[in-house]
């Protein structure tokens, strides 16, 4: 089914999903090799543990982070950890 039409090409909208298994005791860095998504959702399905995730965005901009529907306020820059 075509969802878009720009006068010559047709296209379909889709939601990309990338599932992965990780340990809930680590720190991970995500680096996109192309343009980052406008909206990205990360979900942790675990009964215990925690994960620290750092996402590299190569373009300047303003980003907001939400957890369980609540906005997480920014923290101070820490040079010792690079975040």
N, C-alpha and C. Protein backbone atom coordinates (compact mmCIF):
# COMPACT_ATOMS: atom_id res chain seq x y z
N UNK A 1 0.84 -1.17 0.00
CA UNK A 1 0.00 0.00 0.00
C UNK A 1 0.89 1.24 0.00
N UNK A 2 0.63 2.16 -0.89
CA UNK A 2 1.40 3.39 -0.95
C UNK A 2 0.88 4.40 0.07
N UNK A 3 1.80 4.99 0.83
CA UNK A 3 1.44 5.98 1.83
C UNK A 3 1.83 7.39 1.42
N UNK A 4 2.77 7.52 0.47
CA UNK A 4 3.27 8.84 0.08
C UNK A 4 3.31 8.94 -1.44
N UNK A 5 3.21 10.15 -1.90
CA UNK A 5 3.32 10.41 -3.33
C UNK A 5 3.93 11.79 -3.49
N UNK A 6 5.06 11.88 -4.17
CA UNK A 6 5.70 13.19 -4.34
C UNK A 6 5.65 13.68 -5.78
N UNK A 7 4.75 13.16 -6.56
CA UNK A 7 4.61 13.59 -7.95
C UNK A 7 5.20 12.61 -8.93
N UNK A 8 6.20 11.84 -8.48
CA UNK A 8 6.80 10.86 -9.37
C UNK A 8 7.01 9.52 -8.67
N UNK A 9 7.55 9.57 -7.44
CA UNK A 9 7.82 8.35 -6.69
C UNK A 9 6.72 8.10 -5.67
N UNK A 10 6.48 6.85 -5.39
CA UNK A 10 5.59 6.49 -4.29
C UNK A 10 6.44 5.83 -3.22
N UNK A 11 5.93 5.79 -2.03
CA UNK A 11 6.70 5.18 -0.95
C UNK A 11 5.79 4.70 0.15
N UNK A 12 6.38 4.00 1.09
CA UNK A 12 5.64 3.48 2.22
C UNK A 12 6.31 3.94 3.51
N UNK A 13 5.48 4.25 4.49
CA UNK A 13 5.99 4.58 5.81
C UNK A 13 6.20 3.28 6.56
N UNK A 14 7.26 3.20 7.33
CA UNK A 14 7.49 2.02 8.14
C UNK A 14 8.24 2.41 9.40
N UNK A 15 8.13 1.55 10.37
CA UNK A 15 8.82 1.76 11.64
C UNK A 15 9.94 0.74 11.73
N UNK A 16 11.17 1.23 11.76
CA UNK A 16 12.32 0.33 11.89
C UNK A 16 12.48 -0.08 13.34
N UNK A 17 12.73 -1.35 13.55
CA UNK A 17 12.95 -1.86 14.89
C UNK A 17 14.24 -2.66 14.90
N UNK A 18 15.09 -2.38 15.87
CA UNK A 18 16.36 -3.07 16.00
C UNK A 18 16.43 -3.67 17.40
N UNK A 19 16.18 -4.93 17.49
CA UNK A 19 16.21 -5.60 18.79
C UNK A 19 17.61 -6.13 19.06
N UNK A 20 18.01 -6.08 20.31
CA UNK A 20 19.31 -6.61 20.70
C UNK A 20 19.24 -7.08 22.14
N UNK A 21 20.13 -7.98 22.49
CA UNK A 21 20.24 -8.45 23.87
C UNK A 21 21.54 -7.91 24.45
N UNK A 22 21.45 -7.30 25.63
CA UNK A 22 22.62 -6.77 26.31
C UNK A 22 22.55 -7.15 27.78
N UNK A 23 23.69 -7.08 28.45
CA UNK A 23 23.71 -7.33 29.89
C UNK A 23 23.27 -6.06 30.61
N UNK A 24 22.56 -6.22 31.71
CA UNK A 24 22.05 -5.05 32.44
C UNK A 24 23.04 -4.58 33.50
N UNK A 25 24.30 -4.76 33.24
CA UNK A 25 25.32 -4.30 34.18
C UNK A 25 26.41 -3.52 33.45
N UNK A 26 26.08 -2.88 32.36
CA UNK A 26 27.13 -2.25 31.57
C UNK A 26 26.82 -0.85 31.12
N UNK A 27 27.80 -0.28 30.45
CA UNK A 27 27.67 1.04 29.83
C UNK A 27 27.89 0.84 28.33
N UNK A 28 27.01 1.40 27.52
CA UNK A 28 27.06 1.18 26.09
C UNK A 28 27.06 2.51 25.35
N UNK A 29 27.72 2.55 24.20
CA UNK A 29 27.75 3.73 23.34
C UNK A 29 27.09 3.35 22.03
N UNK A 30 26.14 4.18 21.58
CA UNK A 30 25.47 3.96 20.31
C UNK A 30 25.94 5.05 19.36
N UNK A 31 26.43 4.63 18.21
CA UNK A 31 26.91 5.58 17.21
C UNK A 31 26.24 5.25 15.88
N UNK A 32 25.48 6.18 15.35
CA UNK A 32 24.80 5.99 14.07
C UNK A 32 25.77 6.29 12.94
N UNK A 33 25.70 5.54 11.87
CA UNK A 33 26.59 5.75 10.73
C UNK A 33 25.95 6.64 9.67
N UNK A 34 24.75 7.08 9.90
CA UNK A 34 24.08 8.00 8.97
C UNK A 34 23.29 9.00 9.79
N UNK A 35 22.38 9.68 9.17
CA UNK A 35 21.58 10.69 9.86
C UNK A 35 20.77 10.06 10.98
N UNK A 36 20.87 10.58 12.21
CA UNK A 36 20.11 10.01 13.32
C UNK A 36 18.61 10.23 13.12
N UNK A 37 17.85 9.39 13.73
CA UNK A 37 16.39 9.48 13.64
C UNK A 37 15.90 10.72 14.36
N UNK A 38 14.77 11.24 13.91
CA UNK A 38 14.18 12.41 14.57
C UNK A 38 13.68 12.01 15.96
N UNK A 39 13.05 10.87 16.07
CA UNK A 39 12.58 10.35 17.35
C UNK A 39 13.10 8.93 17.51
N UNK A 40 13.71 8.66 18.63
CA UNK A 40 14.23 7.33 18.89
C UNK A 40 13.78 6.88 20.27
N UNK A 41 13.35 5.65 20.38
CA UNK A 41 12.88 5.12 21.65
C UNK A 41 13.72 3.90 22.01
N UNK A 42 14.24 3.89 23.23
CA UNK A 42 14.99 2.75 23.74
C UNK A 42 14.15 2.14 24.86
N UNK A 43 14.10 0.83 24.89
CA UNK A 43 13.28 0.16 25.90
C UNK A 43 14.12 -0.93 26.56
N UNK A 44 14.13 -0.95 27.88
CA UNK A 44 14.81 -1.98 28.63
C UNK A 44 13.75 -2.88 29.24
N UNK A 45 13.78 -4.14 28.85
CA UNK A 45 12.83 -5.11 29.39
C UNK A 45 13.59 -6.05 30.32
N UNK A 46 13.67 -5.67 31.57
CA UNK A 46 14.38 -6.45 32.57
C UNK A 46 13.70 -6.28 33.92
N UNK A 47 13.83 -7.26 34.77
CA UNK A 47 13.24 -7.17 36.11
C UNK A 47 14.20 -6.56 37.11
N UNK A 48 15.52 -6.54 36.78
CA UNK A 48 16.49 -5.91 37.67
C UNK A 48 17.70 -5.47 36.85
N UNK A 49 18.52 -4.63 37.45
CA UNK A 49 19.71 -4.13 36.78
C UNK A 49 19.48 -2.76 36.19
N UNK A 50 20.55 -2.20 35.60
CA UNK A 50 20.45 -0.91 34.93
C UNK A 50 21.47 -0.86 33.82
N UNK A 51 21.26 0.07 32.91
CA UNK A 51 22.14 0.24 31.76
C UNK A 51 22.40 1.72 31.57
N UNK A 52 23.65 2.07 31.32
CA UNK A 52 24.02 3.45 30.99
C UNK A 52 24.23 3.49 29.48
N UNK A 53 23.51 4.38 28.79
CA UNK A 53 23.58 4.47 27.33
C UNK A 53 24.03 5.87 26.95
N UNK A 54 25.04 5.94 26.08
CA UNK A 54 25.51 7.22 25.54
C UNK A 54 25.30 7.16 24.03
N UNK A 55 24.62 8.17 23.48
CA UNK A 55 24.34 8.21 22.04
C UNK A 55 25.11 9.38 21.43
N UNK A 56 25.92 9.09 20.42
CA UNK A 56 26.67 10.13 19.72
C UNK A 56 25.80 10.75 18.63
N UNK A 57 25.53 12.04 18.73
CA UNK A 57 24.84 12.78 17.69
C UNK A 57 25.84 13.75 17.10
N UNK A 58 26.03 13.70 15.80
CA UNK A 58 27.05 14.50 15.16
C UNK A 58 26.54 15.86 14.69
N UNK A 59 25.27 16.12 14.84
CA UNK A 59 24.76 17.43 14.45
C UNK A 59 24.36 18.21 15.70
N UNK A 60 24.55 19.51 15.64
CA UNK A 60 24.18 20.35 16.78
C UNK A 60 22.66 20.42 16.87
N UNK A 61 22.18 20.48 18.05
CA UNK A 61 20.74 20.57 18.23
C UNK A 61 20.36 20.49 19.69
N UNK A 62 19.11 20.55 19.94
CA UNK A 62 18.59 20.46 21.29
C UNK A 62 17.84 19.14 21.41
N UNK A 63 18.14 18.40 22.45
CA UNK A 63 17.53 17.09 22.63
C UNK A 63 16.89 17.00 24.00
N UNK A 64 15.79 16.26 24.08
CA UNK A 64 15.12 16.02 25.34
C UNK A 64 15.06 14.53 25.58
N UNK A 65 15.21 14.14 26.83
CA UNK A 65 15.17 12.73 27.20
C UNK A 65 13.99 12.53 28.14
N UNK A 66 13.21 11.49 27.87
CA UNK A 66 12.06 11.15 28.69
C UNK A 66 12.21 9.72 29.20
N UNK A 67 11.81 9.49 30.45
CA UNK A 67 11.78 8.14 31.02
C UNK A 67 10.42 7.96 31.67
N UNK A 68 9.72 6.93 31.26
CA UNK A 68 8.36 6.66 31.75
C UNK A 68 7.45 7.87 31.59
N UNK A 69 7.61 8.59 30.47
CA UNK A 69 6.76 9.73 30.17
C UNK A 69 7.15 11.02 30.87
N UNK A 70 8.19 11.00 31.70
CA UNK A 70 8.62 12.20 32.41
C UNK A 70 9.95 12.69 31.85
N UNK A 71 10.05 14.01 31.65
CA UNK A 71 11.28 14.60 31.11
C UNK A 71 12.39 14.54 32.15
N UNK A 72 13.57 14.09 31.70
CA UNK A 72 14.74 14.04 32.56
C UNK A 72 15.55 15.31 32.32
N UNK A 73 15.78 16.07 33.37
CA UNK A 73 16.51 17.33 33.24
C UNK A 73 17.99 17.04 33.00
N UNK A 74 18.65 17.96 32.32
CA UNK A 74 20.07 17.77 32.01
C UNK A 74 20.92 17.81 33.27
N UNK A 75 22.05 17.12 33.20
CA UNK A 75 22.99 17.15 34.31
C UNK A 75 24.22 17.96 33.90
N UNK A 76 25.08 18.24 34.86
CA UNK A 76 26.28 19.02 34.58
C UNK A 76 27.27 18.20 33.76
N UNK A 77 28.05 18.90 32.94
CA UNK A 77 29.07 18.25 32.12
C UNK A 77 30.17 17.74 33.03
N UNK A 78 30.59 16.49 32.79
CA UNK A 78 31.64 15.87 33.58
C UNK A 78 32.77 15.45 32.65
N UNK A 79 33.87 16.22 32.61
CA UNK A 79 34.98 15.93 31.71
C UNK A 79 35.63 14.59 32.02
N UNK A 80 35.59 14.15 33.26
CA UNK A 80 36.27 12.91 33.63
C UNK A 80 35.63 11.69 32.96
N UNK A 81 34.33 11.77 32.65
CA UNK A 81 33.68 10.63 31.99
C UNK A 81 33.33 10.95 30.54
N UNK A 82 33.56 12.19 30.12
CA UNK A 82 33.28 12.56 28.73
C UNK A 82 31.81 12.70 28.43
N UNK A 83 31.01 12.99 29.42
CA UNK A 83 29.57 13.14 29.20
C UNK A 83 29.03 14.30 30.00
